[in-house]
């Protein structure tokens, strides 16, 4: 009798099971990367919006003290900027804090603060 070489059914099933486990772990990792890149993009846009708002405040007349909620449309989404202006320890400065989040809720994606000159009295 001549012996034939090849894979048995059991060996093929084990190889398929190993491949299935590896494929599912790769799919899970890729889903995590896609989710993280979306979050990273939101944080980047929130940083840009906060920096733009702070730059505008530095260029304009000094802002009034208090809390203000602004809405801006950027990247086909609505963003909510919460701006708080308070007096700083130095009499000629105001402290401005801005928190940015998406309008539909969720956590603050970026928080920034700076000082701007106060109104001349």
Protein backbone atom coordinates (compact mmCIF):
# COMPACT_ATOMS: atom_id res chain seq x y z
CA UNK A 1 0.00 0.00 0.00
CA UNK A 2 1.14 3.41 -0.87
CA UNK A 3 0.84 6.15 1.83
CA UNK A 4 -0.77 9.39 0.71
CA UNK A 5 0.29 12.69 2.18
CA UNK A 6 -2.10 15.54 2.94
CA UNK A 7 -4.06 17.19 5.71
CA UNK A 8 -6.69 15.42 7.72
CA UNK A 9 -10.09 16.97 8.34
CA UNK A 10 -9.14 17.62 11.97
CA UNK A 11 -6.01 19.54 10.98
CA UNK A 12 -7.98 21.69 8.53
CA UNK A 13 -10.62 22.46 11.19
CA UNK A 14 -7.95 23.48 13.72
CA UNK A 15 -6.30 25.74 11.12
CA UNK A 16 -9.68 27.36 10.34
CA UNK A 17 -10.38 27.89 14.04
CA UNK A 18 -7.00 29.58 14.53
CA UNK A 19 -7.63 31.78 11.48
CA UNK A 20 -11.09 32.74 12.79
CA UNK A 21 -9.68 33.78 16.18
CA UNK A 22 -6.95 35.85 14.54
CA UNK A 23 -9.40 37.49 12.12
CA UNK A 24 -11.81 38.43 14.91
CA UNK A 25 -9.00 39.98 16.98
CA UNK A 26 -7.80 42.01 13.97
CA UNK A 27 -11.36 43.19 13.32
CA UNK A 28 -11.78 44.20 16.96
CA UNK A 29 -8.50 46.13 16.91
CA UNK A 30 -9.42 47.92 13.69
CA UNK A 31 -12.80 48.96 15.13
CA UNK A 32 -10.99 50.41 18.14
CA UNK A 33 -8.66 52.39 15.85
CA UNK A 34 -11.57 53.77 13.82
CA UNK A 35 -13.40 54.81 17.01
CA UNK A 36 -10.26 56.47 18.40
CA UNK A 37 -9.58 58.36 15.17
CA UNK A 38 -13.12 59.78 15.25
CA UNK A 39 -12.63 60.94 18.83
CA UNK A 40 -9.25 62.40 17.97
CA UNK A 41 -10.77 64.34 15.06
CA UNK A 42 -13.48 65.77 17.36
CA UNK A 43 -10.86 66.86 19.89
CA UNK A 44 -8.76 68.47 17.16
CA UNK A 45 -11.74 70.45 15.84
CA UNK A 46 -12.68 71.48 19.38
CA UNK A 47 -9.13 72.75 19.91
CA UNK A 48 -9.30 74.78 16.70
CA UNK A 49 -12.65 76.32 17.70
CA UNK A 50 -11.39 77.28 21.16
CA UNK A 51 -8.18 78.78 19.76
CA UNK A 52 -10.13 80.75 17.15
CA UNK A 53 -12.49 82.13 19.80
CA UNK A 54 -9.60 83.13 22.07
CA UNK A 55 -7.84 84.83 19.15
CA UNK A 56 -10.98 86.78 18.31
CA UNK A 57 -11.29 87.91 21.92
CA UNK A 58 -7.70 89.16 21.91
CA UNK A 59 -8.31 91.16 18.70
CA UNK A 60 -11.67 92.69 19.66
CA UNK A 61 -12.60 95.04 22.44
CA UNK A 62 -12.38 93.35 25.85
CA UNK A 63 -15.34 91.05 26.53
CA UNK A 64 -17.98 91.68 29.18
CA UNK A 65 -17.65 89.64 32.35
CA UNK A 66 -19.93 86.69 32.91
CA UNK A 67 -20.94 83.48 31.22
CA UNK A 68 -21.83 83.20 27.57
CA UNK A 69 -22.83 80.21 25.47
CA UNK A 70 -21.96 80.37 21.78
CA UNK A 71 -22.96 78.03 18.97
CA UNK A 72 -20.84 77.52 15.90
CA UNK A 73 -21.21 75.33 12.86
CA UNK A 74 -17.99 73.60 11.80
CA UNK A 75 -17.35 70.38 9.88
CA UNK A 76 -21.08 69.98 9.24
CA UNK A 77 -21.69 69.73 13.01
CA UNK A 78 -22.99 72.11 15.66
CA UNK A 79 -20.56 72.97 18.44
CA UNK A 80 -21.21 74.60 21.81
CA UNK A 81 -18.61 76.97 23.25
CA UNK A 82 -19.11 77.93 26.89
CA UNK A 83 -17.16 81.10 27.63
CA UNK A 84 -16.63 82.37 31.19
CA UNK A 85 -14.98 85.77 31.73
CA UNK A 86 -13.88 86.62 35.28
CA UNK A 87 -11.60 89.25 36.76
CA UNK A 88 -7.99 88.14 37.20
CA UNK A 89 -5.78 88.94 40.16
CA UNK A 90 -4.20 91.75 38.14
CA UNK A 91 -6.65 94.68 37.76
CA UNK A 92 -5.88 95.20 34.06
CA UNK A 93 -6.59 91.60 33.06
CA UNK A 94 -9.59 89.33 32.61
CA UNK A 95 -9.42 85.57 32.72
CA UNK A 96 -11.27 83.83 29.88
CA UNK A 97 -12.09 80.13 30.02
CA UNK A 98 -13.66 78.27 27.11
CA UNK A 99 -15.06 74.74 27.10
CA UNK A 100 -16.01 73.16 23.77
CA UNK A 101 -18.39 70.26 23.21
CA UNK A 102 -20.80 69.06 20.57
CA UNK A 103 -24.29 70.58 20.83
CA UNK A 104 -25.94 67.18 21.17
CA UNK A 105 -24.26 66.76 24.55
CA UNK A 106 -21.39 64.62 25.62
CA UNK A 107 -18.22 65.48 27.47
CA UNK A 108 -16.11 68.60 27.11
CA UNK A 109 -13.73 67.88 24.24
CA UNK A 110 -11.38 70.78 24.88
CA UNK A 111 -10.88 73.32 27.64
CA UNK A 112 -8.74 76.42 27.13
CA UNK A 113 -8.05 79.55 29.14
CA UNK A 114 -6.17 82.79 28.65
CA UNK A 115 -5.96 86.35 29.89
CA UNK A 116 -7.06 89.40 27.93
CA UNK A 117 -6.79 93.07 28.77
CA UNK A 118 -9.70 94.56 30.69
CA UNK A 119 -11.66 97.60 29.61
CA UNK A 120 -9.94 100.87 30.30
CA UNK A 121 -11.89 102.64 33.04
